[in-house]
Amino acid sequence: DSSGFPMIPYLPGGKKYRILLSHPPGFHPKEDGLRKRKTVRGNTITSDIVQINTVIVEGDLPDG
């Protein structure tokens, strides 16, 4: 969104959440077992989203 909060694919909706994260996306711990409460956004694209990064692939995708 415009504030830079990452979108999390397993959170429904388009609103912001403050959740406890222990792995990416949204948090990359420096050591095992480290957890942190971070603000993230749900997986729905709303009018608040200002940038969407995509990759366009032409042709058939390989299986596996």
Foldseek 3Di string as FASTA:
>chain_A
DVVPAAEDAVFDDFAKDFDKDQPDDVDHDPDPPDIDTDIHTYDDDDPVDDDDDDDDDDDDDDDD
